[in-house]
C-alpha atoms as a PDB file:
ATOM      1  CA  MET A   1      37.873  31.812  -5.723  1.00  0.00           C
ATOM      2  CA  LYS A   2      37.794  29.661  -8.843  1.00  0.00           C
ATOM      3  CA  THR A   3      39.126  26.138  -8.786  1.00  0.00           C
ATOM      4  CA  TYR A   4      39.331  23.676 -11.651  1.00  0.00           C
ATOM      5  CA  ILE A   5      38.117  20.220 -10.622  1.00  0.00           C
ATOM      6  CA  PRO A   6      40.251  17.706 -12.557  1.00  0.00           C
ATOM      7  CA  ASP A   7      38.182  14.681 -11.500  1.00  0.00           C
ATOM      8  CA  PRO A   8      34.581  15.837 -11.063  1.00  0.00           C
ATOM      9  CA  ARG A   9      33.278  12.282 -10.689  1.00  0.00           C
ATOM     10  CA  SER A  10      35.369  11.744  -7.537  1.00  0.00           C
ATOM     11  CA  TYR A  11      34.757  15.280  -6.273  1.00  0.00           C
ATOM     12  CA  PHE A  12      30.975  14.880  -6.228  1.00  0.00           C
ATOM     13  CA  ALA A  13      31.151  11.274  -4.978  1.00  0.00           C
ATOM     14  CA  GLU A  14      33.264  12.394  -1.982  1.00  0.00           C
ATOM     15  CA  ARG A  15      30.510  14.876  -1.152  1.00  0.00           C
ATOM     16  CA  GLY A  16      27.712  12.335  -1.379  1.00  0.00           C
ATOM     17  CA  GLY A  17      26.527  13.668  -4.741  1.00  0.00           C
ATOM     18  CA  LEU A  18      25.698  16.950  -2.955  1.00  0.00           C
ATOM     19  CA  HIS A  19      22.608  15.191  -1.587  1.00  0.00           C
ATOM     20  CA  ASP A  20      20.409  17.609   0.398  1.00  0.00           C
ATOM     21  CA  ALA A  21      22.430  20.695  -0.601  1.00  0.00           C
ATOM     22  CA  ARG A  22      20.033  23.647  -0.859  1.00  0.00           C
ATOM     23  CA  ILE A  23      20.049  25.147  -4.353  1.00  0.00           C
ATOM     24  CA  CYS A  24      20.419  28.932  -4.208  1.00  0.00           C
ATOM     25  CA  THR A  25      20.595  29.729  -7.931  1.00  0.00           C
ATOM     26  CA  VAL A  26      20.672  28.031 -11.306  1.00  0.00           C
ATOM     27  CA  VAL A  27      21.844  29.921 -14.390  1.00  0.00           C
ATOM     28  CA  TRP A  28      21.533  28.384 -17.848  1.00  0.00           C
ATOM     29  CA  ASP A  29      23.165  30.062 -20.866  1.00  0.00           C
ATOM     30  CA  ALA A  30      22.153  28.129 -23.968  1.00  0.00           C
ATOM     31  CA  GLN A  31      24.279  30.247 -26.315  1.00  0.00           C
ATOM     32  CA  VAL A  32      27.556  29.349 -24.628  1.00  0.00           C
ATOM     33  CA  ARG A  33      26.316  25.928 -23.440  1.00  0.00           C
ATOM     34  CA  SER A  34      26.981  26.512 -19.748  1.00  0.00           C
ATOM     35  CA  ILE A  35      25.026  25.972 -16.575  1.00  0.00           C
ATOM     36  CA  GLY A  36      25.855  27.414 -13.185  1.00  0.00           C
ATOM     37  CA  VAL A  37      24.575  26.030  -9.895  1.00  0.00           C
ATOM     38  CA  GLU A  38      25.094  27.654  -6.508  1.00  0.00           C
ATOM     39  CA  VAL A  39      24.468  25.635  -3.340  1.00  0.00           C
ATOM     40  CA  ALA A  40      24.348  26.710   0.309  1.00  0.00           C
ATOM     41  CA  ASP A  41      26.521  23.862   1.659  1.00  0.00           C
ATOM     42  CA  LEU A  42      28.755  21.503  -0.309  1.00  0.00           C
ATOM     43  CA  ASN A  43      28.856  19.219   2.734  1.00  0.00           C
ATOM     44  CA  ALA A  44      25.090  19.045   3.363  1.00  0.00           C
ATOM     45  CA  ASN A  45      25.057  15.280   2.798  1.00  0.00           C
ATOM     46  CA  ALA A  46      26.905  14.781   6.111  1.00  0.00           C
ATOM     47  CA  LEU A  47      24.951  17.350   8.159  1.00  0.00           C
ATOM     48  CA  GLY A  48      24.449  16.033  11.690  1.00  0.00           C
ATOM     49  CA  PHE A  49      27.251  13.462  11.381  1.00  0.00           C
ATOM     50  CA  PRO A  50      30.799  13.718  12.772  1.00  0.00           C
ATOM     51  CA  GLU A  51      32.260  13.785   9.241  1.00  0.00           C
ATOM     52  CA  HIS A  52      30.457  17.063   8.419  1.00  0.00           C
ATOM     53  CA  ARG A  53      33.274  19.516   7.596  1.00  0.00           C
ATOM     54  CA  GLY A  54      31.220  22.597   8.361  1.00  0.00           C
ATOM     55  CA  ILE A  55      29.034  24.725   6.138  1.00  0.00           C
ATOM     56  CA  GLU A  56      30.799  25.464   2.864  1.00  0.00           C
ATOM     57  CA  PRO A  57      28.830  27.367   0.212  1.00  0.00           C
ATOM     58  CA  GLY A  58      29.894  26.809  -3.364  1.00  0.00           C
ATOM     59  CA  SER A  59      29.021  27.260  -6.990  1.00  0.00           C
ATOM     60  CA  PHE A  60      29.811  25.283 -10.106  1.00  0.00           C
ATOM     61  CA  ILE A  61      29.905  26.298 -13.737  1.00  0.00           C
ATOM     62  CA  PHE A  62      29.677  23.448 -16.210  1.00  0.00           C
ATOM     63  CA  GLN A  63      30.957  24.600 -19.606  1.00  0.00           C
ATOM     64  CA  GLY A  64      30.420  23.032 -23.005  1.00  0.00           C
ATOM     65  CA  VAL A  65      27.285  21.277 -21.803  1.00  0.00           C
ATOM     66  CA  ALA A  66      25.949  19.065 -24.576  1.00  0.00           C
ATOM     67  CA  ASN A  67      23.533  16.798 -22.711  1.00  0.00           C
ATOM     68  CA  LEU A  68      21.926  17.639 -19.422  1.00  0.00           C
ATOM     69  CA  ALA A  69      19.151  16.006 -17.433  1.00  0.00           C
ATOM     70  CA  PHE A  70      17.815  18.276 -14.730  1.00  0.00           C
ATOM     71  CA  GLY A  71      14.647  17.545 -12.777  1.00  0.00           C
ATOM     72  CA  CYS A  72      13.176  19.840 -10.184  1.00  0.00           C
ATOM     73  CA  ASP A  73       9.966  19.565  -8.187  1.00  0.00           C
ATOM     74  CA  ALA A  74       8.365  22.649  -6.679  1.00  0.00           C
ATOM     75  CA  PHE A  75       7.287  22.490  -3.060  1.00  0.00           C
ATOM     76  CA  ALA A  76       5.194  24.833  -0.930  1.00  0.00           C
ATOM     77  CA  ASN A  77       8.189  26.139   1.000  1.00  0.00           C
ATOM     78  CA  ASP A  78      10.084  26.816  -2.260  1.00  0.00           C
ATOM     79  CA  VAL A  79      13.253  25.122  -0.979  1.00  0.00           C
ATOM     80  CA  GLN A  80      14.968  23.180  -3.722  1.00  0.00           C
ATOM     81  CA  ARG A  81      17.563  20.590  -2.775  1.00  0.00           C
ATOM     82  CA  VAL A  82      19.959  18.491  -4.806  1.00  0.00           C
ATOM     83  CA  TYR A  83      19.068  14.822  -4.863  1.00  0.00           C
ATOM     84  CA  ASP A  84      22.191  13.623  -6.675  1.00  0.00           C
ATOM     85  CA  VAL A  85      24.905  14.786  -9.045  1.00  0.00           C
ATOM     86  CA  GLU A  86      26.336  12.190 -11.380  1.00  0.00           C
ATOM     87  CA  ILE A  87      29.100  12.793 -13.893  1.00  0.00           C
ATOM     88  CA  ASP A  88      29.294  10.783 -17.094  1.00  0.00           C
ATOM     89  CA  GLU A  89      32.523  10.716 -19.090  1.00  0.00           C
ATOM     90  CA  GLN A  90      32.251  11.165 -22.846  1.00  0.00           C
ATOM     91  CA  SER A  91      34.296   9.148 -25.322  1.00  0.00           C
ATOM     92  CA  THR A  92      36.371  12.308 -25.985  1.00  0.00           C
ATOM     93  CA  GLY A  93      37.696  12.139 -22.422  1.00  0.00           C
ATOM     94  CA  GLY A  94      35.630  15.122 -21.311  1.00  0.00           C
ATOM     95  CA  TYR A  95      32.869  15.072 -18.755  1.00  0.00           C
ATOM     96  CA  ARG A  96      29.262  16.090 -18.822  1.00  0.00           C
ATOM     97  CA  PRO A  97      26.776  16.430 -15.980  1.00  0.00           C
ATOM     98  CA  CYS A  98      24.242  13.689 -16.574  1.00  0.00           C
ATOM     99  CA  GLN A  99      21.787  14.108 -13.725  1.00  0.00           C
ATOM    100  CA  GLN A 100      20.836  16.645 -11.144  1.00  0.00           C
ATOM    101  CA  GLN A 101      17.519  16.530  -9.396  1.00  0.00           C
ATOM    102  CA  GLY A 102      16.124  18.891  -6.845  1.00  0.00           C
ATOM    103  CA  CYS A 103      13.799  17.817  -4.100  1.00  0.00           C
ATOM    104  CA  GLY A 104      12.396  19.659  -1.136  1.00  0.00           C
ATOM    105  CA  SER A 105      12.356  18.659   2.462  1.00  0.00           C
END
């Protein structure tokens, strides 16, 4: 199912910036300026708390990516996790992903 997210800043903020979501795949297509990220649980930030909505896998495709900061550290167990997703609005009214970092646990 594809869903357009009209306010990505609020969407990611409501999910705690996807903190601790396990990254399953990352696909970067420089020719079309898109990046896709698949995570195991959109609600991982609340895991173990009453507000956890249940495991909900998801993927995002950011199109028209002009500026992207993406940091990822490799760990022995090869599990990559999102540290934070921040969205920065451009002067044109569009959005761009400005930071995603992976960290292991």
